[in-house]
Structures are given as structure tokens and as C-alpha cells.
Amino acid sequence: MAPLWIPHIFSPLVLRNQIVWVKDNWSAGDLEGNFGNQYEVVLFLSKGRHRRRGYRWSNVWEFPRVPAKRLLMPVEKPVGLVQRAIESSSDPGDLVVDPFCGSGTTGEAARNAGRRVLLGDIDPAMVAVTCR
């Protein structure tokens, strides 16, 4: 979806980089007409100047997918992936906001990284999952 979103990025947001998340396996998708997807692209946007914190990672990040039996929602991301992004872009004690919290991965990653967190979602069922 990244190529579809990029033309719609508007000021004051700036596309800083595209991070390639390499998974440990690939999705099934169209078994007869397509290759399996083994990666996802994460758009790294910032508002104004961004100061990277900590280690300077490459833009290729390898984290295993959440195992199918543990998925709380279909597009759930691994905590480590989100935690790396948080630690690279904020300081301990900062506030991380996720208005589309889904299964709560960002909240767990922010808490692990020593950040405060504010989560919300339009779906009450996902808020309940996050609270659990």
C-alpha cells in the first residue's frame, strides 16, 4: 500500500524513509498468480526536524511475525518492531499516542521502552482487547 499512500503525504509531514520489515515467512495470497509477500513497507514520517536516538539501524528490519495462533487481529505487528521505532524516535518519559491501537502492540512497546502512552480505537472490541 505504500506506493498508494506516498503521493498523499502532505505538509507538515515529511517522508523520511521507508523501512522494510522482513518477516520470517511469507503470506499465502494468490497461490497461482503471485509470489508470496515476505516483507511489509513501513513509512517513516516526521513533522519538522527528526532527531534519531540511539543506534543507527539500517532501513531493513527483521522481526518474526506474530504466530497465527497468537494473533489478536489480522494485521498485528510484533512488539519488537514497534518498540525499535519508538526508541529511535522518542525519549524515556515521552508520550506516545496511538489513536488506532488495535490489539495494543504500541502500548506494550511504549511501556517496555519507558514511555507514557495514550491509546484509543473506534472499535470498542479492540479497546477491550488492548485493556486485557
Protein backbone atom coordinates (compact mmCIF):
# COMPACT_ATOMS: atom_id res chain seq x y z
CA MET A 1 0.00 0.00 0.00
CA ALA A 2 2.98 2.35 0.46
CA PRO A 3 3.08 3.47 -3.21
CA LEU A 4 -0.59 4.46 -2.91
CA TRP A 5 -0.07 6.47 0.28
CA ILE A 6 3.14 8.33 -0.62
CA PRO A 7 1.55 10.80 -3.11
CA HIS A 8 -0.98 11.80 -0.42
CA ILE A 9 1.54 12.81 2.25
CA PHE A 10 1.02 16.49 2.91
CA SER A 11 2.81 19.23 4.82
CA PRO A 12 3.85 19.45 7.60
CA LEU A 13 4.59 15.70 7.34
CA VAL A 14 7.76 14.67 5.54
CA LEU A 15 8.60 11.17 4.29
CA ARG A 16 11.98 10.49 5.90
CA ASN A 17 12.46 6.87 4.88
CA GLN A 18 10.78 3.62 4.01
CA ILE A 19 11.56 0.79 6.42
CA VAL A 20 11.34 -2.72 5.03
CA TRP A 21 10.07 -5.15 7.66
CA VAL A 22 11.32 -8.62 6.68
CA LYS A 23 9.17 -11.34 8.22
CA ASP A 24 10.33 -14.88 8.96
CA ASN A 25 7.86 -16.36 6.47
CA TRP A 26 5.55 -15.19 3.73
CA SER A 27 1.84 -14.83 3.22
CA ALA A 28 -0.16 -17.15 1.02
CA GLY A 29 -2.04 -14.56 -1.09
CA ASP A 30 -2.69 -15.56 -4.72
CA LEU A 31 -1.13 -19.04 -4.77
CA GLU A 32 -1.34 -19.44 -8.55
CA GLY A 33 -0.61 -15.99 -9.90
CA ASN A 34 1.73 -14.23 -7.48
CA PHE A 35 4.81 -14.63 -5.33
CA GLY A 36 4.44 -14.74 -1.54
CA ASN A 37 4.91 -11.47 0.34
CA GLN A 38 7.77 -11.76 2.82
CA TYR A 39 8.01 -8.10 3.75
CA GLU A 40 5.96 -5.00 4.52
CA VAL A 41 6.94 -1.38 3.99
CA VAL A 42 6.65 0.98 6.96
CA LEU A 43 6.51 4.66 6.05
CA PHE A 44 8.68 6.72 8.40
CA LEU A 45 7.15 10.21 8.52
CA SER A 46 8.08 13.15 10.70
CA LYS A 47 6.67 16.56 11.45
CA GLY A 48 9.54 19.01 11.29
CA ARG A 49 13.10 18.00 12.01
CA HIS A 50 13.60 14.49 13.36
CA ARG A 51 16.46 13.60 15.71
CA ARG A 52 17.26 9.90 15.77
CA ARG A 53 18.04 8.43 19.17
CA GLY A 54 20.36 5.53 19.95
CA TYR A 55 21.77 3.07 17.46
CA ARG A 56 21.57 3.94 13.75
CA TRP A 57 19.68 0.99 12.27
CA SER A 58 19.51 0.28 8.54
CA ASN A 59 16.10 0.59 6.90
CA VAL A 60 15.74 -3.22 6.72
CA TRP A 61 14.37 -4.63 9.97
CA GLU A 62 13.97 -8.36 10.55
CA PHE A 63 11.37 -9.40 13.10
CA PRO A 64 9.33 -12.62 13.08
CA ARG A 65 5.61 -12.26 12.50
CA VAL A 66 3.25 -12.79 15.41
CA PRO A 67 2.39 -16.52 15.22
CA ALA A 68 -1.07 -17.13 13.74
CA LYS A 69 -2.28 -18.85 16.92
CA ARG A 70 -1.41 -15.74 18.99
CA LEU A 71 -2.79 -13.08 16.62
CA LEU A 72 -5.40 -10.83 18.20
CA MET A 73 -6.08 -9.13 14.86
CA PRO A 74 -5.02 -9.93 11.27
CA VAL A 75 -2.53 -7.06 10.79
CA GLU A 76 -0.91 -7.24 14.24
CA LYS A 77 2.75 -6.20 14.29
CA PRO A 78 5.42 -7.67 16.59
CA VAL A 79 6.14 -5.63 19.72
CA GLY A 80 9.88 -5.52 18.93
CA LEU A 81 9.28 -3.83 15.57
CA VAL A 82 7.19 -1.06 17.12
CA GLN A 83 9.47 -0.75 20.13
CA ARG A 84 12.51 -0.13 17.90
CA ALA A 85 10.65 2.69 16.13
CA ILE A 86 9.59 4.23 19.46
CA GLU A 87 13.06 4.03 21.00
CA SER A 88 14.61 5.53 17.85
CA SER A 89 12.22 8.49 17.78
CA SER A 90 11.45 9.45 21.39
CA ASP A 91 12.98 9.76 24.83
CA PRO A 92 12.07 7.91 28.05
CA GLY A 93 9.07 9.60 29.65
CA ASP A 94 7.77 10.98 26.32
CA LEU A 95 4.13 10.46 25.40
CA VAL A 96 3.35 8.01 22.57
CA VAL A 97 -0.14 8.38 21.07
CA ASP A 98 -1.83 5.66 19.01
CA PRO A 99 -5.42 6.59 18.07
CA PHE A 100 -5.82 3.31 16.14
CA CYS A 101 -4.48 0.96 18.82
CA GLY A 102 -5.97 -2.29 17.54
CA SER A 103 -4.57 -5.06 19.71
CA GLY A 104 -2.42 -2.72 21.83
CA THR A 105 1.02 -3.50 20.40
CA THR A 106 2.08 0.16 20.50
CA GLY A 107 1.04 0.42 24.15
CA GLU A 108 3.08 -2.62 25.12
CA ALA A 109 6.09 -1.42 23.11
CA ALA A 110 5.89 2.09 24.61
CA ARG A 111 5.61 0.71 28.15
CA ASN A 112 8.61 -1.58 27.53
CA ALA A 113 10.57 1.47 26.32
CA GLY A 114 9.71 3.58 29.38
CA ARG A 115 7.33 5.91 27.57
CA ARG A 116 3.91 7.12 28.61
CA VAL A 117 1.11 6.06 26.30
CA LEU A 118 -2.34 7.21 25.18
CA LEU A 119 -4.34 4.68 23.18
CA GLY A 120 -7.74 4.71 21.53
CA ASP A 121 -9.71 2.96 18.82
CA ILE A 122 -13.08 3.38 17.13
CA ASP A 123 -13.85 -0.30 17.74
CA PRO A 124 -14.85 -0.95 21.39
CA ALA A 125 -13.97 -4.63 20.95
CA MET A 126 -10.35 -3.72 20.13
CA VAL A 127 -10.19 -1.36 23.12
CA ALA A 128 -11.31 -4.28 25.28
CA VAL A 129 -8.58 -6.48 23.76
CA THR A 130 -5.99 -3.78 24.43
CA CYS A 131 -7.12 -3.41 28.05
CA ARG A 132 -6.75 -7.17 28.59
